[in-house]
C-alpha atoms as a PDB file:
ATOM      1  CA  UNK A   1     -86.271  21.028 -23.349  1.00  0.00           C
ATOM      2  CA  UNK A   2     -89.718  21.632 -24.817  1.00  0.00           C
ATOM      3  CA  UNK A   3     -90.502  19.452 -27.801  1.00  0.00           C
ATOM      4  CA  UNK A   4     -91.301  16.016 -29.160  1.00  0.00           C
ATOM      5  CA  UNK A   5     -89.465  13.403 -31.166  1.00  0.00           C
ATOM      6  CA  UNK A   6     -90.988  11.651 -34.171  1.00  0.00           C
ATOM      7  CA  UNK A   7     -89.707   8.094 -34.541  1.00  0.00           C
ATOM      8  CA  UNK A   8     -90.858   5.430 -36.984  1.00  0.00           C
ATOM      9  CA  UNK A   9     -91.407   1.701 -36.988  1.00  0.00           C
ATOM     10  CA  UNK A  10     -89.262   1.605 -40.147  1.00  0.00           C
ATOM     11  CA  UNK A  11     -87.577   3.747 -42.742  1.00  0.00           C
ATOM     12  CA  UNK A  12     -90.116   5.394 -45.013  1.00  0.00           C
ATOM     13  CA  UNK A  13     -92.845   5.547 -42.353  1.00  0.00           C
ATOM     14  CA  UNK A  14     -93.290   9.255 -43.066  1.00  0.00           C
ATOM     15  CA  UNK A  15     -91.206  10.859 -40.315  1.00  0.00           C
ATOM     16  CA  UNK A  16     -89.748  13.642 -42.479  1.00  0.00           C
ATOM     17  CA  UNK A  17     -93.163  14.396 -43.955  1.00  0.00           C
ATOM     18  CA  UNK A  18     -94.842  14.621 -40.548  1.00  0.00           C
ATOM     19  CA  UNK A  19     -92.108  16.797 -39.073  1.00  0.00           C
ATOM     20  CA  UNK A  20     -92.454  19.227 -41.993  1.00  0.00           C
ATOM     21  CA  UNK A  21     -96.239  19.310 -41.677  1.00  0.00           C
ATOM     22  CA  UNK A  22     -96.090  19.821 -37.915  1.00  0.00           C
ATOM     23  CA  UNK A  23     -93.518  22.584 -38.347  1.00  0.00           C
ATOM     24  CA  UNK A  24     -95.903  24.498 -40.609  1.00  0.00           C
ATOM     25  CA  UNK A  25     -98.930  23.767 -38.413  1.00  0.00           C
ATOM     26  CA  UNK A  26     -97.211  24.934 -35.215  1.00  0.00           C
ATOM     27  CA  UNK A  27     -95.660  27.919 -36.978  1.00  0.00           C
ATOM     28  CA  UNK A  28     -99.181  28.901 -38.072  1.00  0.00           C
ATOM     29  CA  UNK A  29    -100.132  28.797 -34.391  1.00  0.00           C
ATOM     30  CA  UNK A  30     -97.391  31.283 -33.562  1.00  0.00           C
ATOM     31  CA  UNK A  31     -94.902  28.848 -32.037  1.00  0.00           C
ATOM     32  CA  UNK A  32     -91.201  29.497 -32.665  1.00  0.00           C
ATOM     33  CA  UNK A  33     -90.496  25.892 -33.615  1.00  0.00           C
ATOM     34  CA  UNK A  34     -87.229  24.337 -34.836  1.00  0.00           C
ATOM     35  CA  UNK A  35     -86.772  21.053 -36.730  1.00  0.00           C
ATOM     36  CA  UNK A  36     -83.817  18.852 -35.819  1.00  0.00           C
ATOM     37  CA  UNK A  37     -82.269  15.582 -36.926  1.00  0.00           C
ATOM     38  CA  UNK A  38     -79.011  14.655 -35.267  1.00  0.00           C
ATOM     39  CA  UNK A  39     -77.742  12.321 -37.970  1.00  0.00           C
ATOM     40  CA  UNK A  40     -79.103  11.762 -41.450  1.00  0.00           C
ATOM     41  CA  UNK A  41     -77.888   9.254 -44.030  1.00  0.00           C
ATOM     42  CA  UNK A  42     -78.832  10.636 -47.421  1.00  0.00           C
ATOM     43  CA  UNK A  43     -77.310  11.717 -50.701  1.00  0.00           C
ATOM     44  CA  UNK A  44     -80.057  14.345 -50.980  1.00  0.00           C
ATOM     45  CA  UNK A  45     -78.352  17.413 -49.531  1.00  0.00           C
ATOM     46  CA  UNK A  46     -78.372  21.148 -50.031  1.00  0.00           C
ATOM     47  CA  UNK A  47     -76.484  24.215 -48.828  1.00  0.00           C
ATOM     48  CA  UNK A  48     -77.513  26.796 -46.285  1.00  0.00           C
ATOM     49  CA  UNK A  49     -77.200  30.505 -47.169  1.00  0.00           C
ATOM     50  CA  UNK A  50     -73.841  30.570 -45.377  1.00  0.00           C
ATOM     51  CA  UNK A  51     -72.507  27.719 -47.510  1.00  0.00           C
ATOM     52  CA  UNK A  52     -72.862  24.779 -45.114  1.00  0.00           C
ATOM     53  CA  UNK A  53     -74.196  21.413 -46.279  1.00  0.00           C
ATOM     54  CA  UNK A  54     -77.183  19.711 -44.628  1.00  0.00           C
ATOM     55  CA  UNK A  55     -79.817  17.177 -45.551  1.00  0.00           C
ATOM     56  CA  UNK A  56     -82.475  18.404 -47.961  1.00  0.00           C
ATOM     57  CA  UNK A  57     -85.140  17.050 -45.610  1.00  0.00           C
ATOM     58  CA  UNK A  58     -84.090  19.328 -42.757  1.00  0.00           C
ATOM     59  CA  UNK A  59     -83.767  22.304 -45.106  1.00  0.00           C
ATOM     60  CA  UNK A  60     -87.363  21.733 -46.234  1.00  0.00           C
ATOM     61  CA  UNK A  61     -88.530  21.346 -42.645  1.00  0.00           C
ATOM     62  CA  UNK A  62     -86.875  24.673 -41.813  1.00  0.00           C
ATOM     63  CA  UNK A  63     -88.772  26.314 -44.664  1.00  0.00           C
ATOM     64  CA  UNK A  64     -91.973  24.723 -43.377  1.00  0.00           C
ATOM     65  CA  UNK A  65     -91.251  26.341 -40.000  1.00  0.00           C
ATOM     66  CA  UNK A  66     -90.571  29.639 -41.807  1.00  0.00           C
ATOM     67  CA  UNK A  67     -86.909  29.532 -40.816  1.00  0.00           C
ATOM     68  CA  UNK A  68     -83.651  29.891 -42.704  1.00  0.00           C
ATOM     69  CA  UNK A  69     -82.007  26.448 -42.935  1.00  0.00           C
ATOM     70  CA  UNK A  70     -78.934  26.241 -40.699  1.00  0.00           C
ATOM     71  CA  UNK A  71     -76.343  23.565 -39.989  1.00  0.00           C
ATOM     72  CA  UNK A  72     -77.335  23.030 -36.352  1.00  0.00           C
ATOM     73  CA  UNK A  73     -80.615  21.567 -37.586  1.00  0.00           C
ATOM     74  CA  UNK A  74     -78.667  18.568 -38.968  1.00  0.00           C
ATOM     75  CA  UNK A  75     -75.196  18.460 -37.382  1.00  0.00           C
ATOM     76  CA  UNK A  76     -74.234  15.086 -38.883  1.00  0.00           C
ATOM     77  CA  UNK A  77     -74.911  14.147 -42.498  1.00  0.00           C
ATOM     78  CA  UNK A  78     -73.690  10.811 -43.852  1.00  0.00           C
ATOM     79  CA  UNK A  79     -73.442  10.805 -47.651  1.00  0.00           C
ATOM     80  CA  UNK A  80     -73.177   7.231 -48.966  1.00  0.00           C
ATOM     81  CA  UNK A  81     -70.169   6.604 -51.222  1.00  0.00           C
ATOM     82  CA  UNK A  82     -70.605   2.855 -51.655  1.00  0.00           C
ATOM     83  CA  UNK A  83     -71.945  -0.060 -49.620  1.00  0.00           C
ATOM     84  CA  UNK A  84     -69.312   0.155 -46.893  1.00  0.00           C
ATOM     85  CA  UNK A  85     -68.434   3.836 -46.658  1.00  0.00           C
ATOM     86  CA  UNK A  86     -69.984   7.266 -46.305  1.00  0.00           C
ATOM     87  CA  UNK A  87     -68.635  10.778 -46.215  1.00  0.00           C
ATOM     88  CA  UNK A  88     -69.227  12.462 -42.859  1.00  0.00           C
ATOM     89  CA  UNK A  89     -70.427  16.054 -43.049  1.00  0.00           C
ATOM     90  CA  UNK A  90     -70.057  17.543 -39.560  1.00  0.00           C
ATOM     91  CA  UNK A  91     -71.736  20.868 -38.812  1.00  0.00           C
ATOM     92  CA  UNK A  92     -72.008  21.514 -42.535  1.00  0.00           C
ATOM     93  CA  UNK A  93     -68.397  20.744 -43.493  1.00  0.00           C
ATOM     94  CA  UNK A  94     -66.618  17.605 -44.664  1.00  0.00           C
ATOM     95  CA  UNK A  95     -65.089  15.848 -41.672  1.00  0.00           C
ATOM     96  CA  UNK A  96     -63.966  12.388 -42.799  1.00  0.00           C
ATOM     97  CA  UNK A  97     -64.952   9.188 -44.543  1.00  0.00           C
ATOM     98  CA  UNK A  98     -66.517   6.545 -42.310  1.00  0.00           C
ATOM     99  CA  UNK A  99     -64.289   3.670 -41.327  1.00  0.00           C
ATOM    100  CA  UNK A 100     -64.280   0.966 -38.699  1.00  0.00           C
ATOM    101  CA  UNK A 101     -63.836   3.801 -36.187  1.00  0.00           C
ATOM    102  CA  UNK A 102     -67.262   5.292 -36.826  1.00  0.00           C
ATOM    103  CA  UNK A 103     -68.673   3.944 -33.584  1.00  0.00           C
ATOM    104  CA  UNK A 104     -65.988   5.808 -31.666  1.00  0.00           C
ATOM    105  CA  UNK A 105     -66.899   8.963 -33.613  1.00  0.00           C
ATOM    106  CA  UNK A 106     -70.532   8.684 -32.530  1.00  0.00           C
ATOM    107  CA  UNK A 107     -69.610   8.495 -28.859  1.00  0.00           C
ATOM    108  CA  UNK A 108     -67.074  11.337 -28.941  1.00  0.00           C
ATOM    109  CA  UNK A 109     -67.162  14.014 -31.632  1.00  0.00           C
ATOM    110  CA  UNK A 110     -70.606  13.006 -32.858  1.00  0.00           C
ATOM    111  CA  UNK A 111     -72.525  13.143 -29.592  1.00  0.00           C
ATOM    112  CA  UNK A 112     -70.694  16.351 -28.661  1.00  0.00           C
ATOM    113  CA  UNK A 113     -71.992  18.005 -31.854  1.00  0.00           C
ATOM    114  CA  UNK A 114     -75.511  16.758 -31.121  1.00  0.00           C
ATOM    115  CA  UNK A 115     -75.461  18.156 -27.592  1.00  0.00           C
ATOM    116  CA  UNK A 116     -74.167  21.521 -28.767  1.00  0.00           C
ATOM    117  CA  UNK A 117     -76.887  21.746 -31.432  1.00  0.00           C
ATOM    118  CA  UNK A 118     -79.623  20.838 -28.940  1.00  0.00           C
ATOM    119  CA  UNK A 119     -78.315  23.409 -26.459  1.00  0.00           C
ATOM    120  CA  UNK A 120     -78.376  26.085 -29.170  1.00  0.00           C
ATOM    121  CA  UNK A 121     -81.971  25.206 -30.055  1.00  0.00           C
ATOM    122  CA  UNK A 122     -83.037  25.242 -26.395  1.00  0.00           C
ATOM    123  CA  UNK A 123     -81.632  28.763 -26.022  1.00  0.00           C
ATOM    124  CA  UNK A 124     -83.138  30.197 -29.189  1.00  0.00           C
ATOM    125  CA  UNK A 125     -86.471  28.461 -29.827  1.00  0.00           C
ATOM    126  CA  UNK A 126     -89.667  27.752 -27.913  1.00  0.00           C
ATOM    127  CA  UNK A 127     -89.696  24.078 -28.849  1.00  0.00           C
ATOM    128  CA  UNK A 128     -88.106  21.474 -31.111  1.00  0.00           C
ATOM    129  CA  UNK A 129     -89.477  18.704 -33.309  1.00  0.00           C
ATOM    130  CA  UNK A 130     -86.816  16.020 -33.547  1.00  0.00           C
ATOM    131  CA  UNK A 131     -86.811  13.407 -36.284  1.00  0.00           C
ATOM    132  CA  UNK A 132     -85.419   9.944 -35.707  1.00  0.00           C
ATOM    133  CA  UNK A 133     -83.978   7.583 -38.316  1.00  0.00           C
ATOM    134  CA  UNK A 134     -85.027   4.122 -39.392  1.00  0.00           C
ATOM    135  CA  UNK A 135     -86.372   2.308 -36.345  1.00  0.00           C
ATOM    136  CA  UNK A 136     -85.522   2.689 -32.652  1.00  0.00           C
ATOM    137  CA  UNK A 137     -85.957  -1.086 -32.247  1.00  0.00           C
ATOM    138  CA  UNK A 138     -82.649  -2.048 -33.878  1.00  0.00           C
ATOM    139  CA  UNK A 139     -81.291  -3.540 -30.661  1.00  0.00           C
ATOM    140  CA  UNK A 140     -77.873  -4.229 -32.200  1.00  0.00           C
ATOM    141  CA  UNK A 141     -77.364  -0.475 -32.573  1.00  0.00           C
ATOM    142  CA  UNK A 142     -78.558   0.665 -29.162  1.00  0.00           C
ATOM    143  CA  UNK A 143     -75.127   0.886 -27.563  1.00  0.00           C
ATOM    144  CA  UNK A 144     -73.828   3.500 -29.968  1.00  0.00           C
ATOM    145  CA  UNK A 145     -76.691   5.075 -31.923  1.00  0.00           C
ATOM    146  CA  UNK A 146     -77.063   8.856 -31.678  1.00  0.00           C
ATOM    147  CA  UNK A 147     -80.230   9.382 -33.696  1.00  0.00           C
ATOM    148  CA  UNK A 148     -83.156   7.697 -31.935  1.00  0.00           C
ATOM    149  CA  UNK A 149     -83.740   7.041 -28.221  1.00  0.00           C
ATOM    150  CA  UNK A 150     -80.290   8.303 -27.274  1.00  0.00           C
ATOM    151  CA  UNK A 151     -81.279  11.702 -28.652  1.00  0.00           C
ATOM    152  CA  UNK A 152     -84.712  11.571 -27.000  1.00  0.00           C
ATOM    153  CA  UNK A 153     -82.940  11.040 -23.690  1.00  0.00           C
ATOM    154  CA  UNK A 154     -80.401  13.800 -24.353  1.00  0.00           C
ATOM    155  CA  UNK A 155     -83.194  16.271 -25.135  1.00  0.00           C
ATOM    156  CA  UNK A 156     -85.522  14.717 -22.531  1.00  0.00           C
ATOM    157  CA  UNK A 157     -88.531  14.820 -24.852  1.00  0.00           C
ATOM    158  CA  UNK A 158     -91.450  12.403 -25.313  1.00  0.00           C
ATOM    159  CA  UNK A 159     -91.649  10.272 -28.454  1.00  0.00           C
ATOM    160  CA  UNK A 160     -94.456   9.805 -30.963  1.00  0.00           C
ATOM    161  CA  UNK A 161     -94.132   6.568 -32.921  1.00  0.00           C
ATOM    162  CA  UNK A 162     -95.228   6.584 -36.574  1.00  0.00           C
ATOM    163  CA  UNK A 163     -96.307   3.522 -38.572  1.00  0.00           C
ATOM    164  CA  UNK A 164     -97.052   3.266 -42.302  1.00  0.00           C
ATOM    165  CA  UNK A 165    -100.497   1.729 -42.800  1.00  0.00           C
ATOM    166  CA  UNK A 166    -100.095   1.647 -46.588  1.00  0.00           C
ATOM    167  CA  UNK A 167     -97.382  -1.004 -46.385  1.00  0.00           C
ATOM    168  CA  UNK A 168     -99.485  -3.354 -44.276  1.00  0.00           C
ATOM    169  CA  UNK A 169     -98.584  -4.860 -40.930  1.00  0.00           C
ATOM    170  CA  UNK A 170     -98.692  -1.542 -39.108  1.00  0.00           C
ATOM    171  CA  UNK A 171    -100.278  -2.885 -35.913  1.00  0.00           C
ATOM    172  CA  UNK A 172     -97.653  -5.599 -35.620  1.00  0.00           C
ATOM    173  CA  UNK A 173     -94.948  -3.034 -36.359  1.00  0.00           C
ATOM    174  CA  UNK A 174     -96.165  -0.793 -33.526  1.00  0.00           C
ATOM    175  CA  UNK A 175     -96.466  -3.612 -30.998  1.00  0.00           C
ATOM    176  CA  UNK A 176     -93.154  -5.192 -31.999  1.00  0.00           C
ATOM    177  CA  UNK A 177     -91.318  -1.888 -31.809  1.00  0.00           C
ATOM    178  CA  UNK A 178     -92.688  -1.110 -28.350  1.00  0.00           C
ATOM    179  CA  UNK A 179     -91.758  -4.578 -27.119  1.00  0.00           C
ATOM    180  CA  UNK A 180     -88.121  -4.100 -28.166  1.00  0.00           C
ATOM    181  CA  UNK A 181     -87.618  -0.661 -26.617  1.00  0.00           C
ATOM    182  CA  UNK A 182     -86.850  -1.875 -23.096  1.00  0.00           C
ATOM    183  CA  UNK A 183     -86.765   0.942 -20.551  1.00  0.00           C
ATOM    184  CA  UNK A 184     -87.272   3.506 -23.332  1.00  0.00           C
ATOM    185  CA  UNK A 185     -90.792   2.182 -23.962  1.00  0.00           C
ATOM    186  CA  UNK A 186     -92.187   4.546 -21.355  1.00  0.00           C
ATOM    187  CA  UNK A 187     -90.920   7.526 -23.343  1.00  0.00           C
ATOM    188  CA  UNK A 188     -93.378   6.735 -26.174  1.00  0.00           C
ATOM    189  CA  UNK A 189     -96.435   8.863 -25.411  1.00  0.00           C
ATOM    190  CA  UNK A 190     -98.257   8.720 -28.735  1.00  0.00           C
ATOM    191  CA  UNK A 191     -98.752   6.710 -31.910  1.00  0.00           C
ATOM    192  CA  UNK A 192     -99.606   8.025 -35.365  1.00  0.00           C
ATOM    193  CA  UNK A 193    -100.822   5.751 -38.134  1.00  0.00           C
ATOM    194  CA  UNK A 194     -99.724   7.321 -41.418  1.00  0.00           C
ATOM    195  CA  UNK A 195    -100.673   6.977 -45.112  1.00  0.00           C
ATOM    196  CA  UNK A 196    -104.124   5.458 -44.613  1.00  0.00           C
ATOM    197  CA  UNK A 197    -106.193   5.025 -47.791  1.00  0.00           C
ATOM    198  CA  UNK A 198    -109.979   5.053 -47.826  1.00  0.00           C
ATOM    199  CA  UNK A 199    -112.536   5.647 -45.101  1.00  0.00           C
ATOM    200  CA  UNK A 200    -110.613   6.362 -41.886  1.00  0.00           C
ATOM    201  CA  UNK A 201    -113.710   5.328 -39.933  1.00  0.00           C
ATOM    202  CA  UNK A 202    -112.954   1.754 -40.946  1.00  0.00           C
ATOM    203  CA  UNK A 203    -109.726   1.975 -38.922  1.00  0.00           C
ATOM    204  CA  UNK A 204    -111.482   2.871 -35.659  1.00  0.00           C
ATOM    205  CA  UNK A 205    -111.345  -0.692 -34.354  1.00  0.00           C
ATOM    206  CA  UNK A 206    -107.596  -0.785 -34.983  1.00  0.00           C
ATOM    207  CA  UNK A 207    -107.157   2.461 -33.042  1.00  0.00           C
ATOM    208  CA  UNK A 208    -109.138   1.130 -30.074  1.00  0.00           C
ATOM    209  CA  UNK A 209    -107.247  -2.156 -30.125  1.00  0.00           C
ATOM    210  CA  UNK A 210    -103.891  -0.362 -30.237  1.00  0.00           C
ATOM    211  CA  UNK A 211    -104.714   1.804 -27.247  1.00  0.00           C
ATOM    212  CA  UNK A 212    -106.154  -1.112 -25.249  1.00  0.00           C
ATOM    213  CA  UNK A 213    -103.235  -3.429 -26.008  1.00  0.00           C
ATOM    214  CA  UNK A 214    -100.338  -0.981 -25.670  1.00  0.00           C
ATOM    215  CA  UNK A 215    -101.705   1.600 -23.251  1.00  0.00           C
ATOM    216  CA  UNK A 216    -100.388   4.338 -25.563  1.00  0.00           C
ATOM    217  CA  UNK A 217    -102.701   6.958 -27.033  1.00  0.00           C
ATOM    218  CA  UNK A 218    -103.177   7.031 -30.808  1.00  0.00           C
ATOM    219  CA  UNK A 219    -102.673  10.711 -31.577  1.00  0.00           C
ATOM    220  CA  UNK A 220    -104.133  10.432 -35.065  1.00  0.00           C
ATOM    221  CA  UNK A 221    -104.598   8.591 -38.338  1.00  0.00           C
ATOM    222  CA  UNK A 222    -103.160  10.519 -41.289  1.00  0.00           C
ATOM    223  CA  UNK A 223    -104.574   9.916 -44.775  1.00  0.00           C
ATOM    224  CA  UNK A 224    -102.434   9.201 -47.798  1.00  0.00           C
ATOM    225  CA  UNK A 225    -101.813  12.641 -49.332  1.00  0.00           C
ATOM    226  CA  UNK A 226    -101.702  12.463 -53.107  1.00  0.00           C
ATOM    227  CA  UNK A 227    -100.036  15.839 -53.590  1.00  0.00           C
ATOM    228  CA  UNK A 228     -97.511  15.875 -50.777  1.00  0.00           C
ATOM    229  CA  UNK A 229     -94.746  15.972 -53.361  1.00  0.00           C
ATOM    230  CA  UNK A 230     -91.755  16.404 -51.079  1.00  0.00           C
ATOM    231  CA  UNK A 231     -88.642  14.396 -51.948  1.00  0.00           C
ATOM    232  CA  UNK A 232     -87.760  11.400 -49.806  1.00  0.00           C
ATOM    233  CA  UNK A 233     -84.839  12.060 -47.476  1.00  0.00           C
ATOM    234  CA  UNK A 234     -83.481   8.553 -47.873  1.00  0.00           C
ATOM    235  CA  UNK A 235     -81.744   7.988 -51.183  1.00  0.00           C
ATOM    236  CA  UNK A 236     -82.535   4.269 -50.897  1.00  0.00           C
ATOM    237  CA  UNK A 237     -86.300   4.813 -50.801  1.00  0.00           C
ATOM    238  CA  UNK A 238     -88.440   5.213 -53.897  1.00  0.00           C
ATOM    239  CA  UNK A 239     -91.071   7.882 -53.343  1.00  0.00           C
ATOM    240  CA  UNK A 240     -94.598   6.475 -53.115  1.00  0.00           C
ATOM    241  CA  UNK A 241     -96.435   9.786 -52.929  1.00  0.00           C
ATOM    242  CA  UNK A 242     -98.751  10.128 -55.906  1.00  0.00           C
ATOM    243  CA  UNK A 243     -98.397  13.454 -57.716  1.00  0.00           C
ATOM    244  CA  UNK A 244    -101.199  14.603 -59.987  1.00  0.00           C
ATOM    245  CA  UNK A 245    -101.626  17.838 -61.893  1.00  0.00           C
ATOM    246  CA  UNK A 246     -99.159  20.720 -61.810  1.00  0.00           C
ATOM    247  CA  UNK A 247     -96.726  20.744 -58.863  1.00  0.00           C
ATOM    248  CA  UNK A 248     -97.706  22.920 -55.938  1.00  0.00           C
ATOM    249  CA  UNK A 249     -95.308  25.541 -54.636  1.00  0.00           C
ATOM    250  CA  UNK A 250     -93.544  24.550 -51.449  1.00  0.00           C
ATOM    251  CA  UNK A 251     -95.581  26.965 -49.350  1.00  0.00           C
ATOM    252  CA  UNK A 252     -98.825  25.651 -50.788  1.00  0.00           C
ATOM    253  CA  UNK A 253     -97.655  22.109 -50.120  1.00  0.00           C
ATOM    254  CA  UNK A 254     -96.760  22.916 -46.507  1.00  0.00           C
ATOM    255  CA  UNK A 255    -100.048  24.756 -46.001  1.00  0.00           C
ATOM    256  CA  UNK A 256    -101.989  21.796 -47.366  1.00  0.00           C
ATOM    257  CA  UNK A 257    -100.095  19.372 -45.127  1.00  0.00           C
ATOM    258  CA  UNK A 258    -100.791  21.566 -42.098  1.00  0.00           C
ATOM    259  CA  UNK A 259    -104.522  21.682 -42.886  1.00  0.00           C
ATOM    260  CA  UNK A 260    -104.748  17.902 -43.111  1.00  0.00           C
ATOM    261  CA  UNK A 261    -102.747  17.358 -39.917  1.00  0.00           C
ATOM    262  CA  UNK A 262    -104.890  19.883 -38.038  1.00  0.00           C
ATOM    263  CA  UNK A 263    -107.942  17.806 -38.950  1.00  0.00           C
ATOM    264  CA  UNK A 264    -106.631  14.302 -38.263  1.00  0.00           C
ATOM    265  CA  UNK A 265    -104.252  14.730 -35.313  1.00  0.00           C
ATOM    266  CA  UNK A 266    -105.050  15.467 -31.677  1.00  0.00           C
ATOM    267  CA  UNK A 267    -103.156  18.757 -31.775  1.00  0.00           C
ATOM    268  CA  UNK A 268    -103.938  19.813 -28.173  1.00  0.00           C
ATOM    269  CA  UNK A 269    -102.564  16.466 -26.958  1.00  0.00           C
ATOM    270  CA  UNK A 270     -99.377  16.919 -28.989  1.00  0.00           C
ATOM    271  CA  UNK A 271     -98.929  20.475 -27.708  1.00  0.00           C
ATOM    272  CA  UNK A 272     -99.355  19.157 -24.180  1.00  0.00           C
ATOM    273  CA  UNK A 273     -96.603  16.623 -24.762  1.00  0.00           C
ATOM    274  CA  UNK A 274     -94.287  19.307 -26.090  1.00  0.00           C
ATOM    275  CA  UNK A 275     -94.606  21.379 -22.939  1.00  0.00           C
ATOM    276  CA  UNK A 276     -94.865  18.581 -20.385  1.00  0.00           C
END
């Protein structure tokens, strides 16, 4: 199907933020774009107009794409109950509490729901922007995960890898992630460095080094946006976005994100990936 997948070198790398910004940017360009995340672990949820529960992050991404939030955009929501259990929301409705049998769920009912949602999107939209979760380099999860490279393969879309410069260690995070991807490494067609503070020109050497060392194009360096006041999708992450002045409306926030991304990303390259 037409589209891309945004994966991160870690949780909190800015995947949800970038998907929302790209949804608004591509919607502004006239593309009928749909956000998608197969499985989201978050206590931050909301309800669609038809009463189905999905992650707040995907609901916001739908609004950024000028769409009505719907359950197929986030078919599996895991709502943490305590350290060892989560409630499974499947296609917007409570399904079960996670147990030792969760791995079996992912490979049966779970992957079936993901495939059905992707098929629906392929029939009804021009392209999809898929969001991954955490890191695709968690090799202990590869056999049964249904949210990172497994989904990229199911949808047959290229991957853009996002790293958080603000945390430090972003070059090592990119290289280390690529090294652990095995045969999926070739699916990564772009890298985005996110949350850069200061003069982006000072990062030019890092961009050149990344491309020379990895052979993967850096599709952009995104500055730290002080007023991108969207809530974090992950209930375990403390928001680091700095908010000053009166809050912007959601539409103004999305429009501002789209303007910044249009200036700092290689948009033609990304569009080419989506329709490759």
